[in-house]
Each structure stands twice: as structure tokens, then as C-alpha cells.
C-alpha atoms as a PDB file:
ATOM      1  CA  MET A   1      30.646 -24.374  14.450  1.00  0.00           C
ATOM      2  CA  THR A   2      27.098 -23.270  15.288  1.00  0.00           C
ATOM      3  CA  ASP A   3      26.433 -19.501  14.594  1.00  0.00           C
ATOM      4  CA  ARG A   4      25.850 -17.295  17.216  1.00  0.00           C
ATOM      5  CA  ILE A   5      22.457 -15.434  17.049  1.00  0.00           C
ATOM      6  CA  GLY A   6      21.822 -11.430  17.624  1.00  0.00           C
ATOM      7  CA  PHE A   7      18.331  -9.788  17.637  1.00  0.00           C
ATOM      8  CA  ILE A   8      17.583  -6.089  17.585  1.00  0.00           C
ATOM      9  CA  GLY A   9      14.231  -4.797  17.864  1.00  0.00           C
ATOM     10  CA  LEU A  10      12.079  -7.236  20.033  1.00  0.00           C
ATOM     11  CA  GLY A  11       8.721  -5.307  19.673  1.00  0.00           C
ATOM     12  CA  ASN A  12       5.173  -6.899  18.768  1.00  0.00           C
ATOM     13  CA  MET A  13       7.003  -9.077  16.202  1.00  0.00           C
ATOM     14  CA  GLY A  14      10.378  -9.166  16.897  1.00  0.00           C
ATOM     15  CA  GLY A  15       9.849 -10.598  20.197  1.00  0.00           C
ATOM     16  CA  ARG A  16       7.383 -13.510  19.445  1.00  0.00           C
ATOM     17  CA  MET A  17      10.040 -14.547  16.370  1.00  0.00           C
ATOM     18  CA  THR A  18      12.831 -14.567  19.361  1.00  0.00           C
ATOM     19  CA  ARG A  19      10.970 -16.721  21.373  1.00  0.00           C
ATOM     20  CA  CYS A  20      10.432 -19.179  19.176  1.00  0.00           C
ATOM     21  CA  ILE A  21      14.410 -19.062  18.324  1.00  0.00           C
ATOM     22  CA  VAL A  22      14.728 -19.569  22.576  1.00  0.00           C
ATOM     23  CA  ASP A  23      12.023 -21.821  22.769  1.00  0.00           C
ATOM     24  CA  ALA A  24      13.934 -24.212  19.952  1.00  0.00           C
ATOM     25  CA  GLY A  25      16.928 -24.447  22.486  1.00  0.00           C
ATOM     26  CA  VAL A  26      18.827 -21.638  20.668  1.00  0.00           C
ATOM     27  CA  GLU A  27      20.568 -18.867  22.799  1.00  0.00           C
ATOM     28  CA  VAL A  28      19.706 -15.428  21.594  1.00  0.00           C
ATOM     29  CA  HIS A  29      21.823 -12.035  22.274  1.00  0.00           C
ATOM     30  CA  GLY A  30      18.895  -9.064  22.137  1.00  0.00           C
ATOM     31  CA  PHE A  31      18.769  -4.999  22.127  1.00  0.00           C
ATOM     32  CA  ASP A  32      15.709  -3.351  22.275  1.00  0.00           C
ATOM     33  CA  MET A  33      15.155   0.151  23.571  1.00  0.00           C
ATOM     34  CA  GLN A  34      12.693  -1.552  26.256  1.00  0.00           C
ATOM     35  CA  ARG A  35      15.250  -3.801  28.266  1.00  0.00           C
ATOM     36  CA  ALA A  36      11.675  -5.607  29.561  1.00  0.00           C
ATOM     37  CA  ALA A  37      10.918  -6.699  26.075  1.00  0.00           C
ATOM     38  CA  VAL A  38      14.285  -8.328  25.865  1.00  0.00           C
ATOM     39  CA  GLU A  39      13.657 -10.571  28.818  1.00  0.00           C
ATOM     40  CA  SER A  40      10.266 -11.344  28.116  1.00  0.00           C
ATOM     41  CA  ALA A  41      11.501 -12.760  24.726  1.00  0.00           C
ATOM     42  CA  GLY A  42      13.872 -14.569  26.510  1.00  0.00           C
ATOM     43  CA  ALA A  43      17.057 -13.358  24.953  1.00  0.00           C
ATOM     44  CA  ILE A  44      19.658 -12.554  26.849  1.00  0.00           C
ATOM     45  CA  PRO A  45      19.852  -8.547  27.053  1.00  0.00           C
ATOM     46  CA  LEU A  46      22.708  -6.558  25.669  1.00  0.00           C
ATOM     47  CA  GLY A  47      23.117  -2.682  25.629  1.00  0.00           C
ATOM     48  CA  SER A  48      23.575  -1.703  22.452  1.00  0.00           C
ATOM     49  CA  SER A  49      23.107  -2.606  18.942  1.00  0.00           C
ATOM     50  CA  ALA A  50      27.092  -2.618  18.543  1.00  0.00           C
ATOM     51  CA  GLU A  51      27.022  -4.974  21.170  1.00  0.00           C
ATOM     52  CA  VAL A  52      24.626  -7.452  19.789  1.00  0.00           C
ATOM     53  CA  ALA A  53      26.902  -7.369  16.603  1.00  0.00           C
ATOM     54  CA  ALA A  54      29.744  -8.115  18.491  1.00  0.00           C
ATOM     55  CA  GLN A  55      28.455 -11.452  19.994  1.00  0.00           C
ATOM     56  CA  SER A  56      26.679 -12.431  16.661  1.00  0.00           C
ATOM     57  CA  ASP A  57      27.579 -14.391  13.397  1.00  0.00           C
ATOM     58  CA  VAL A  58      23.896 -13.734  12.384  1.00  0.00           C
ATOM     59  CA  VAL A  59      22.016 -10.579  13.454  1.00  0.00           C
ATOM     60  CA  PHE A  60      18.455  -9.867  13.073  1.00  0.00           C
ATOM     61  CA  LEU A  61      16.822  -6.774  12.538  1.00  0.00           C
ATOM     62  CA  SER A  62      12.959  -5.765  13.650  1.00  0.00           C
ATOM     63  CA  LEU A  63      12.861  -2.354  13.285  1.00  0.00           C
ATOM     64  CA  PRO A  64       9.930   0.064  12.310  1.00  0.00           C
ATOM     65  CA  ASP A  65      10.840   1.561   8.802  1.00  0.00           C
ATOM     66  CA  SER A  66      14.089   2.296   6.807  1.00  0.00           C
ATOM     67  CA  LYS A  67      14.920   5.475   8.745  1.00  0.00           C
ATOM     68  CA  VAL A  68      15.653   3.387  11.866  1.00  0.00           C
ATOM     69  CA  VAL A  69      17.353   0.514  10.419  1.00  0.00           C
ATOM     70  CA  GLU A  70      19.588   3.263   8.926  1.00  0.00           C
ATOM     71  CA  LYS A  71      20.422   4.720  11.541  1.00  0.00           C
ATOM     72  CA  VAL A  72      21.100   1.493  13.325  1.00  0.00           C
ATOM     73  CA  VAL A  73      23.084  -0.028  10.633  1.00  0.00           C
ATOM     74  CA  LEU A  74      24.644   2.808   8.086  1.00  0.00           C
ATOM     75  CA  GLN A  75      24.823   5.745  11.038  1.00  0.00           C
ATOM     76  CA  ASP A  76      26.313   3.619  14.101  1.00  0.00           C
ATOM     77  CA  ALA A  77      29.760   3.469  13.639  1.00  0.00           C
ATOM     78  CA  ALA A  78      30.374   1.052  16.419  1.00  0.00           C
ATOM     79  CA  PHE A  79      27.613  -1.143  14.989  1.00  0.00           C
ATOM     80  CA  LEU A  80      29.832  -1.158  11.454  1.00  0.00           C
ATOM     81  CA  SER A  81      32.809  -1.907  13.101  1.00  0.00           C
ATOM     82  CA  SER A  82      31.746  -4.732  15.749  1.00  0.00           C
ATOM     83  CA  LEU A  83      30.232  -6.730  12.637  1.00  0.00           C
ATOM     84  CA  ALA A  84      32.796  -9.082  11.594  1.00  0.00           C
ATOM     85  CA  SER A  85      33.567 -10.167   7.832  1.00  0.00           C
ATOM     86  CA  GLY A  86      31.495 -13.184   7.165  1.00  0.00           C
ATOM     87  CA  SER A  87      28.639 -12.460   9.146  1.00  0.00           C
ATOM     88  CA  VAL A  88      25.061 -12.226   7.947  1.00  0.00           C
ATOM     89  CA  VAL A  89      22.313  -9.504   8.747  1.00  0.00           C
ATOM     90  CA  VAL A  90      18.810 -10.127   8.057  1.00  0.00           C
ATOM     91  CA  ASP A  91      16.413  -7.371   8.118  1.00  0.00           C
ATOM     92  CA  LEU A  92      12.956  -8.690   9.269  1.00  0.00           C
ATOM     93  CA  SER A  93      11.810  -5.051   8.663  1.00  0.00           C
ATOM     94  CA  THR A  94       9.129  -3.627   6.450  1.00  0.00           C
ATOM     95  CA  ALA A  95      11.438  -0.817   4.483  1.00  0.00           C
ATOM     96  CA  ALA A  96      11.916   0.917   1.302  1.00  0.00           C
ATOM     97  CA  PRO A  97      13.866  -1.456  -1.089  1.00  0.00           C
ATOM     98  CA  SER A  98      16.094   1.145  -2.279  1.00  0.00           C
ATOM     99  CA  SER A  99      17.453   1.696   1.273  1.00  0.00           C
ATOM    100  CA  THR A 100      17.731  -1.984   1.254  1.00  0.00           C
ATOM    101  CA  GLN A 101      20.107  -1.729  -1.583  1.00  0.00           C
ATOM    102  CA  ARG A 102      22.328   1.349  -0.793  1.00  0.00           C
ATOM    103  CA  ILE A 103      22.815  -0.293   3.015  1.00  0.00           C
ATOM    104  CA  HIS A 104      23.323  -4.542   0.812  1.00  0.00           C
ATOM    105  CA  GLU A 105      26.246  -2.493  -1.224  1.00  0.00           C
ATOM    106  CA  ARG A 106      27.592  -1.030   2.440  1.00  0.00           C
ATOM    107  CA  LEU A 107      28.093  -3.983   4.260  1.00  0.00           C
ATOM    108  CA  ALA A 108      29.272  -5.899   0.618  1.00  0.00           C
ATOM    109  CA  GLU A 109      32.443  -3.767   1.331  1.00  0.00           C
ATOM    110  CA  GLN A 110      32.886  -5.324   4.355  1.00  0.00           C
ATOM    111  CA  GLY A 111      32.222  -9.049   3.375  1.00  0.00           C
ATOM    112  CA  ILE A 112      29.023  -8.720   5.281  1.00  0.00           C
ATOM    113  CA  ALA A 113      25.585 -10.636   3.727  1.00  0.00           C
ATOM    114  CA  TYR A 114      22.515  -8.548   4.051  1.00  0.00           C
ATOM    115  CA  LEU A 115      19.716 -10.327   3.381  1.00  0.00           C
ATOM    116  CA  ASP A 116      15.968  -8.601   3.194  1.00  0.00           C
ATOM    117  CA  ALA A 117      13.391 -10.708   4.649  1.00  0.00           C
ATOM    118  CA  GLY A 118       9.540  -9.301   4.215  1.00  0.00           C
ATOM    119  CA  ILE A 119       7.337 -11.244   6.592  1.00  0.00           C
ATOM    120  CA  SER A 120       3.639 -11.915   6.419  1.00  0.00           C
ATOM    121  CA  GLY A 121       1.389 -14.054   8.713  1.00  0.00           C
ATOM    122  CA  GLY A 122       0.763 -10.939  11.603  1.00  0.00           C
ATOM    123  CA  ALA A 123       1.250 -11.725  15.304  1.00  0.00           C
ATOM    124  CA  ALA A 124      -0.649 -14.879  15.369  1.00  0.00           C
ATOM    125  CA  ALA A 125       1.612 -16.720  12.988  1.00  0.00           C
ATOM    126  CA  ALA A 126       4.208 -15.353  14.674  1.00  0.00           C
ATOM    127  CA  GLU A 127       3.617 -16.597  18.056  1.00  0.00           C
ATOM    128  CA  LYS A 128       3.043 -20.126  16.350  1.00  0.00           C
ATOM    129  CA  GLY A 129       6.343 -19.860  14.234  1.00  0.00           C
ATOM    130  CA  ALA A 130       4.475 -19.962  10.773  1.00  0.00           C
ATOM    131  CA  LEU A 131       5.049 -17.174   9.459  1.00  0.00           C
ATOM    132  CA  THR A 132       5.998 -16.515   5.711  1.00  0.00           C
ATOM    133  CA  LEU A 133       9.272 -15.086   4.339  1.00  0.00           C
ATOM    134  CA  MET A 134      10.074 -13.330   0.805  1.00  0.00           C
ATOM    135  CA  VAL A 135      13.733 -12.741   0.754  1.00  0.00           C
ATOM    136  CA  GLY A 136      16.472 -11.360  -1.277  1.00  0.00           C
ATOM    137  CA  GLY A 137      20.009 -11.094  -1.406  1.00  0.00           C
ATOM    138  CA  ASP A 138      22.511 -14.073  -1.555  1.00  0.00           C
ATOM    139  CA  ALA A 139      21.049 -17.326  -1.928  1.00  0.00           C
ATOM    140  CA  ALA A 140      24.043 -19.172  -0.323  1.00  0.00           C
ATOM    141  CA  ALA A 141      23.678 -16.536   3.068  1.00  0.00           C
ATOM    142  CA  LEU A 142      19.776 -17.566   2.928  1.00  0.00           C
ATOM    143  CA  GLU A 143      21.167 -21.344   2.919  1.00  0.00           C
ATOM    144  CA  ARG A 144      23.072 -20.477   6.052  1.00  0.00           C
ATOM    145  CA  VAL A 145      20.841 -18.736   7.746  1.00  0.00           C
ATOM    146  CA  GLN A 146      17.377 -21.357   7.000  1.00  0.00           C
ATOM    147  CA  PRO A 147      17.876 -23.178  10.096  1.00  0.00           C
ATOM    148  CA  VAL A 148      17.326 -20.504  12.207  1.00  0.00           C
ATOM    149  CA  LEU A 149      14.582 -19.322  10.060  1.00  0.00           C
ATOM    150  CA  ALA A 150      12.633 -22.625  10.450  1.00  0.00           C
ATOM    151  CA  HIS A 151      12.021 -21.786  14.042  1.00  0.00           C
ATOM    152  CA  PHE A 152       9.525 -18.629  12.952  1.00  0.00           C
ATOM    153  CA  ALA A 153       8.887 -19.605   9.392  1.00  0.00           C
ATOM    154  CA  THR A 154       7.081 -22.478   7.742  1.00  0.00           C
ATOM    155  CA  LYS A 155       7.388 -20.710   3.978  1.00  0.00           C
ATOM    156  CA  VAL A 156      10.596 -19.048   3.130  1.00  0.00           C
ATOM    157  CA  PHE A 157      10.617 -17.648  -0.888  1.00  0.00           C
ATOM    158  CA  HIS A 158      13.872 -16.378  -2.301  1.00  0.00           C
ATOM    159  CA  MET A 159      12.779 -13.336  -4.635  1.00  0.00           C
ATOM    160  CA  GLY A 160      16.255 -12.812  -5.983  1.00  0.00           C
ATOM    161  CA  ALA A 161      18.480 -10.133  -5.320  1.00  0.00           C
ATOM    162  CA  SER A 162      18.625  -7.128  -2.712  1.00  0.00           C
ATOM    163  CA  GLY A 163      15.502  -5.464  -2.145  1.00  0.00           C
ATOM    164  CA  ALA A 164      13.524  -8.244  -3.988  1.00  0.00           C
ATOM    165  CA  GLY A 165      12.021  -9.575  -0.805  1.00  0.00           C
ATOM    166  CA  HIS A 166      11.382  -6.322   0.563  1.00  0.00           C
ATOM    167  CA  SER A 167       9.469  -5.030  -2.965  1.00  0.00           C
ATOM    168  CA  THR A 168       7.511  -8.108  -2.697  1.00  0.00           C
ATOM    169  CA  LYS A 169       6.391  -7.372   1.058  1.00  0.00           C
ATOM    170  CA  LEU A 170       5.316  -4.102   0.178  1.00  0.00           C
ATOM    171  CA  LEU A 171       3.254  -5.234  -2.593  1.00  0.00           C
ATOM    172  CA  ASN A 172       1.607  -7.901  -0.325  1.00  0.00           C
ATOM    173  CA  ASN A 173       1.241  -5.909   2.131  1.00  0.00           C
ATOM    174  CA  PHE A 174      -0.965  -3.200  -0.399  1.00  0.00           C
ATOM    175  CA  LEU A 175      -3.132  -5.955  -1.098  1.00  0.00           C
ATOM    176  CA  ASN A 176      -3.711  -7.172   2.188  1.00  0.00           C
ATOM    177  CA  ALA A 177      -4.934  -3.234   2.846  1.00  0.00           C
ATOM    178  CA  ILE A 178      -7.055  -2.644   0.026  1.00  0.00           C
ATOM    179  CA  ALA A 179      -8.738  -5.931   1.310  1.00  0.00           C
ATOM    180  CA  LEU A 180      -9.177  -4.650   4.598  1.00  0.00           C
ATOM    181  CA  SER A 181     -10.202  -1.532   3.751  1.00  0.00           C
ATOM    182  CA  ALA A 182     -13.096  -2.279   1.332  1.00  0.00           C
ATOM    183  CA  THR A 183     -14.054  -5.519   3.632  1.00  0.00           C
ATOM    184  CA  ALA A 184     -14.736  -3.054   6.302  1.00  0.00           C
ATOM    185  CA  GLU A 185     -16.651  -0.244   3.965  1.00  0.00           C
ATOM    186  CA  VAL A 186     -18.795  -3.091   2.934  1.00  0.00           C
ATOM    187  CA  MET A 187     -19.450  -4.510   6.379  1.00  0.00           C
ATOM    188  CA  VAL A 188     -20.379  -1.342   7.617  1.00  0.00           C
ATOM    189  CA  ALA A 189     -23.175  -1.067   4.383  1.00  0.00           C
ATOM    190  CA  ALA A 190     -24.325  -4.578   5.195  1.00  0.00           C
ATOM    191  CA  LYS A 191     -25.377  -3.862   9.078  1.00  0.00           C
ATOM    192  CA  LYS A 192     -26.691  -0.473   7.727  1.00  0.00           C
ATOM    193  CA  ALA A 193     -28.504  -2.510   5.339  1.00  0.00           C
ATOM    194  CA  GLY A 194     -29.877  -4.679   8.392  1.00  0.00           C
ATOM    195  CA  LEU A 195     -28.181  -7.796   7.195  1.00  0.00           C
ATOM    196  CA  ASP A 196     -27.166 -10.692   8.851  1.00  0.00           C
ATOM    197  CA  LEU A 197     -23.270 -10.377   8.839  1.00  0.00           C
ATOM    198  CA  ALA A 198     -22.491 -13.676   9.476  1.00  0.00           C
ATOM    199  CA  THR A 199     -24.885 -14.626   6.191  1.00  0.00           C
ATOM    200  CA  VAL A 200     -22.989 -11.719   4.539  1.00  0.00           C
ATOM    201  CA  LEU A 201     -19.783 -13.395   5.090  1.00  0.00           C
ATOM    202  CA  ASP A 202     -20.741 -16.797   4.205  1.00  0.00           C
ATOM    203  CA  VAL A 203     -21.761 -15.180   0.762  1.00  0.00           C
ATOM    204  CA  LEU A 204     -18.799 -13.341   0.129  1.00  0.00           C
ATOM    205  CA  ASN A 205     -16.564 -16.533   0.848  1.00  0.00           C
ATOM    206  CA  ALA A 206     -17.935 -18.629  -1.543  1.00  0.00           C
ATOM    207  CA  SER A 207     -18.431 -15.679  -4.214  1.00  0.00           C
ATOM    208  CA  SER A 208     -16.037 -13.557  -5.889  1.00  0.00           C
ATOM    209  CA  GLY A 209     -15.400 -10.992  -3.301  1.00  0.00           C
ATOM    210  CA  VAL A 210     -13.617 -13.464  -1.297  1.00  0.00           C
ATOM    211  CA  ASN A 211     -10.618 -12.459   0.369  1.00  0.00           C
ATOM    212  CA  PHE A 212      -8.263 -12.718   3.396  1.00  0.00           C
ATOM    213  CA  ALA A 213     -10.220 -10.187   5.527  1.00  0.00           C
ATOM    214  CA  THR A 214     -13.653 -11.734   4.623  1.00  0.00           C
ATOM    215  CA  LEU A 215     -11.881 -15.243   5.522  1.00  0.00           C
ATOM    216  CA  ASN A 216     -10.137 -14.659   8.415  1.00  0.00           C
ATOM    217  CA  ARG A 217     -10.845 -11.058  10.003  1.00  0.00           C
ATOM    218  CA  PHE A 218     -14.285  -9.986  10.105  1.00  0.00           C
ATOM    219  CA  PRO A 219     -15.514 -13.610  11.217  1.00  0.00           C
ATOM    220  CA  LYS A 220     -14.180 -12.663  14.341  1.00  0.00           C
ATOM    221  CA  ILE A 221     -14.638  -8.676  14.281  1.00  0.00           C
ATOM    222  CA  ILE A 222     -18.565  -9.033  14.009  1.00  0.00           C
ATOM    223  CA  THR A 223     -18.422 -10.806  17.381  1.00  0.00           C
ATOM    224  CA  GLY A 224     -16.489  -7.863  18.903  1.00  0.00           C
ATOM    225  CA  ASP A 225     -12.797 -10.010  18.405  1.00  0.00           C
ATOM    226  CA  TYR A 226     -10.606  -7.321  16.740  1.00  0.00           C
ATOM    227  CA  LEU A 227      -7.257  -9.825  17.004  1.00  0.00           C
ATOM    228  CA  LYS A 228      -5.489  -7.354  18.995  1.00  0.00           C
ATOM    229  CA  GLY A 229      -1.490  -7.426  18.938  1.00  0.00           C
ATOM    230  CA  GLY A 230      -1.394  -7.147  15.046  1.00  0.00           C
ATOM    231  CA  LEU A 231      -0.142  -4.234  12.601  1.00  0.00           C
ATOM    232  CA  THR A 232      -2.011  -0.650  14.056  1.00  0.00           C
ATOM    233  CA  ASN A 233      -3.523   1.687  11.994  1.00  0.00           C
ATOM    234  CA  ALA A 234      -0.241   4.269  11.951  1.00  0.00           C
ATOM    235  CA  LEU A 235       1.883   1.068  10.730  1.00  0.00           C
ATOM    236  CA  MET A 236      -0.812   0.019   7.927  1.00  0.00           C
ATOM    237  CA  MET A 237      -0.654   3.778   6.893  1.00  0.00           C
ATOM    238  CA  LYS A 238       3.316   3.701   7.210  1.00  0.00           C
ATOM    239  CA  ASP A 239       3.261   0.336   4.862  1.00  0.00           C
ATOM    240  CA  VAL A 240       0.873   2.010   1.739  1.00  0.00           C
ATOM    241  CA  VAL A 241       2.626   5.070   1.694  1.00  0.00           C
ATOM    242  CA  LEU A 242       5.757   3.094   1.047  1.00  0.00           C
ATOM    243  CA  TYR A 243       4.275   0.873  -1.270  1.00  0.00           C
ATOM    244  CA  VAL A 244       3.047   4.206  -3.383  1.00  0.00           C
ATOM    245  CA  ASP A 245       6.519   5.625  -2.765  1.00  0.00           C
ATOM    246  CA  HIS A 246       8.178   2.076  -4.309  1.00  0.00           C
ATOM    247  CA  LEU A 247       5.608   2.463  -7.150  1.00  0.00           C
ATOM    248  CA  HIS A 248       6.880   5.857  -8.360  1.00  0.00           C
ATOM    249  CA  GLU A 249      10.487   4.739  -8.240  1.00  0.00           C
ATOM    250  CA  LEU A 250       9.478   1.747 -10.292  1.00  0.00           C
ATOM    251  CA  GLY A 251       7.438   4.145 -12.760  1.00  0.00           C
ATOM    252  CA  VAL A 252       4.276   2.763 -12.125  1.00  0.00           C
ATOM    253  CA  ALA A 253       0.889   4.129 -11.705  1.00  0.00           C
ATOM    254  CA  SER A 254      -0.806   3.459  -8.413  1.00  0.00           C
ATOM    255  CA  PRO A 255      -4.810   4.650  -8.926  1.00  0.00           C
ATOM    256  CA  ASN A 256      -5.725   1.984  -6.405  1.00  0.00           C
ATOM    257  CA  SER A 257      -3.793   3.656  -3.635  1.00  0.00           C
ATOM    258  CA  SER A 258      -6.432   6.069  -2.952  1.00  0.00           C
ATOM    259  CA  GLY A 259      -8.709   4.169  -1.178  1.00  0.00           C
ATOM    260  CA  PRO A 260      -6.542   2.221   1.938  1.00  0.00           C
ATOM    261  CA  LEU A 261      -4.819   5.742   1.967  1.00  0.00           C
ATOM    262  CA  ALA A 262      -7.711   7.628   2.938  1.00  0.00           C
ATOM    263  CA  SER A 263      -9.192   4.573   5.165  1.00  0.00           C
ATOM    264  CA  PHE A 264      -6.122   4.564   7.233  1.00  0.00           C
ATOM    265  CA  GLY A 265      -5.996   7.897   7.230  1.00  0.00           C
ATOM    266  CA  LEU A 266      -9.167   8.568   8.563  1.00  0.00           C
ATOM    267  CA  ALA A 267      -8.809   5.956  11.112  1.00  0.00           C
ATOM    268  CA  GLN A 268      -5.373   7.930  12.252  1.00  0.00           C
ATOM    269  CA  ALA A 269      -7.705  11.083  12.377  1.00  0.00           C
ATOM    270  CA  LEU A 270     -10.054   9.519  14.240  1.00  0.00           C
ATOM    271  CA  GLY A 271      -7.741   8.553  17.038  1.00  0.00           C
ATOM    272  CA  TYR A 272      -7.391   4.888  16.166  1.00  0.00           C
ATOM    273  CA  ALA A 273      -3.756   5.412  14.985  1.00  0.00           C
ATOM    274  CA  ASP A 274      -2.284   2.838  17.613  1.00  0.00           C
ATOM    275  CA  GLN A 275      -5.234   0.467  17.734  1.00  0.00           C
ATOM    276  CA  ILE A 276      -5.294  -2.513  15.548  1.00  0.00           C
ATOM    277  CA  SER A 277      -5.771  -1.919  11.751  1.00  0.00           C
ATOM    278  CA  ASN A 278      -9.072  -4.018  11.651  1.00  0.00           C
ATOM    279  CA  THR A 279     -10.627  -0.761  14.011  1.00  0.00           C
ATOM    280  CA  VAL A 280     -10.458   0.952  10.476  1.00  0.00           C
ATOM    281  CA  VAL A 281     -14.281  -0.428  10.420  1.00  0.00           C
ATOM    282  CA  ASP A 282     -14.665   1.460  13.359  1.00  0.00           C
ATOM    283  CA  ALA A 283     -13.551   4.936  11.705  1.00  0.00           C
ATOM    284  CA  ILE A 284     -15.632   3.990   8.841  1.00  0.00           C
ATOM    285  CA  GLY A 285     -18.756   3.162  10.838  1.00  0.00           C
ATOM    286  CA  ASP A 286     -18.047   6.314  12.864  1.00  0.00           C
ATOM    287  CA  VAL A 287     -18.384   8.745  10.039  1.00  0.00           C
ATOM    288  CA  SER A 288     -21.576   6.837   8.646  1.00  0.00           C
ATOM    289  CA  GLY A 289     -23.475   7.359  11.655  1.00  0.00           C
ATOM    290  CA  HIS A 290     -21.577   5.834  14.733  1.00  0.00           C
ATOM    291  CA  VAL A 291     -22.191   2.120  12.847  1.00  0.00           C
ATOM    292  CA  ARG A 292     -20.661  -0.677  15.077  1.00  0.00           C
ATOM    293  CA  LEU A 293     -20.509  -4.354  13.713  1.00  0.00           C
ATOM    294  CA  HIS A 294     -21.083  -5.631  17.425  1.00  0.00           C
ATOM    295  CA  ASP A 295     -22.907  -4.480  19.823  1.00  0.00           C
ATOM    296  CA  PRO A 296     -21.660  -4.969  23.145  1.00  0.00           C
ATOM    297  CA  ASP A 297     -24.306  -3.450  25.327  1.00  0.00           C
ATOM    298  CA  PRO A 298     -28.204  -4.042  25.185  1.00  0.00           C
ATOM    299  CA  ALA A 299     -29.085  -0.542  23.880  1.00  0.00           C
ATOM    300  CA  GLY A 300     -27.458  -1.206  20.808  1.00  0.00           C
ATOM    301  CA  ASP A 301     -25.262   1.837  21.249  1.00  0.00           C
ATOM    302  CA  GLY A 302     -22.358   0.340  19.366  1.00  0.00           C
ATOM    303  CA  ALA A 303     -18.866  -0.170  20.641  1.00  0.00           C
ATOM    304  CA  ALA A 304     -16.733   2.408  22.814  1.00  0.00           C
ATOM    305  CA  ARG A 305     -15.149   5.041  20.660  1.00  0.00           C
ATOM    306  CA  PRO A 306     -11.060   5.156  21.102  1.00  0.00           C
ATOM    307  CA  THR A 307     -11.930   8.250  23.392  1.00  0.00           C
ATOM    308  CA  ASP A 308     -13.822   6.113  25.352  1.00  0.00           C
ATOM    309  CA  THR A 309     -11.523   3.060  25.853  1.00  0.00           C
ATOM    310  CA  LYS A 310      -7.886   2.470  24.915  1.00  0.00           C
ATOM    311  CA  ASP A 311      -6.051  -1.075  24.278  1.00  0.00           C
END
């Protein structure tokens, strides 16, 4: 018997993952506070998370943070009572591993498997069904849901026990934040130094400074394409804070967290909170003499500030 699939949280990432599942010919029951998001993803709209649980054998979650996940899974009695013993909940959110482990223990009491599945690749990979997943939890449960995961992920790694997937996700996201914020600073400096930015990137990508941002983000950003649709500055800041909290729980020093905390904090303070995190380069540019890597106007006055235009 084929598992019935449910999806809760069909926003920027959840909607794209759901669309991949639906396009593969699999029926999905969905719930989101924005009903239009469910319909846009091609899922069958239901009126609550509990209704999705009642209609599904495997429930996917793609929610903003641990607080929201706990509100849905632990604090909604209707949701808990609607989950049948033997079902699987797959949490695709970016969440605190300690919270994940508490949820795992609670659901295990009802005979429900809980997998924490961190995702990487962003909106572009989600659109293509080419995400990377890092999963914690029961190996048998992961094997059971693998056919569904294959519709939106090309690489799936089993990281270990409950919480291991979300832990790995935070570690990866922190390195992403470091690369983006540090490269943004370097590129603003290159612009002010009068260097040709495309050539600077060629040098970095052939040298020891190469990273994901130099390879995949800034070749677009210097032409004015900020690759909209990905993680916002506010969400990037949230992920870095989660990382710092996680390291505190582990008893590990985090001296390198100050850079991205300062950079994405600056972006939020200057009005870029809800814009894609790549605009952190504009926030750094703002306090460096209103520098823009790409000048869309002949006068070279720079790109519009957040107060001038909205996404």
C-alpha cells in the first residue's frame, strides 16, 4: 500500500518541494496559513494541520523555526491525536536540534517516527528537485520515505540519531553565512579599489579564496541579478543565532560567529530584513560610501536603496 502524503507549510521552500512531488504524480494534502500557497503548489487544500495528519501516513513540515514546529506538533492536541501509530513525520525546517530531540521522544511514545531533514540548495535546487538532505532519525523510517524524497532531492545523507540532521544543517548554514558575508565585504572593497569585479572573481575562483559565494552568487550579483527567491537576511540571521545557541549547548567556542552576526544584523538594521540575503553586500556598501557592485544608471549612482524599491 502506498503511503498517503501530507505537507504543512507551503511557503518559499515547502511550496517548491510540494510542487515536485505533485508533478511526479503523487497526491499531496496540504495546509498553510495562506490557502493560495497550497493551491499554487498543486496540493489538495485542507483546513488545518490536524486534517492533514488525519489524511496522511507521511507528514512533511517546512516551517519557520522550532517555536512554530513545537506549536504545530506538540501544542496542538488535535494534530497529535490525528497522527496514527506507524506514521512518519519529516521535519524539513531549520530547527534547534535540542527541540528536535524532544519532539522525537514525544512522538515515539505514540509509535510515530520523527525524522529531522535539513535541506541545502536553496530555492533554485528546490525548483529543480535537486536538493541535498541531511537526515537524523530511524534508518528504517528514512528508507520508507526515500521514494518521496527522491522527487525533490538528489542527495540524501543519513547523519545518525534524532537531531543529527538539524545539527548538520546548522553547521552547513553557518559556513554559507561566513562565505556570503565575507565575500560581500571583499567585493565592496574590490569595487572601491577600482578593480574589475569579474576578473576579481576569476582570480578568487582559481585561488585559495574560492567558496560557494564566489562560484555561484557573485557572478550574478555583479550584473545586478540578486537571485531573488532564496533565504532572506532575517532568516539567515536566525540560522546563525541557532548555530551559536547550538554550539553553546555543545560547549564549543564560536569566535567566528561575530562576522556574519554583524553583517546580517547590519542588513536588518538598514531595511533589508525581508530581502534575499545576497543583498547583505548592499548593506555593507551603504556604510562604505553607498557602493553598489552593479550600477544600473549611467550616472553610476548605485542601485536603489531598500527605502526606494521593494521586492
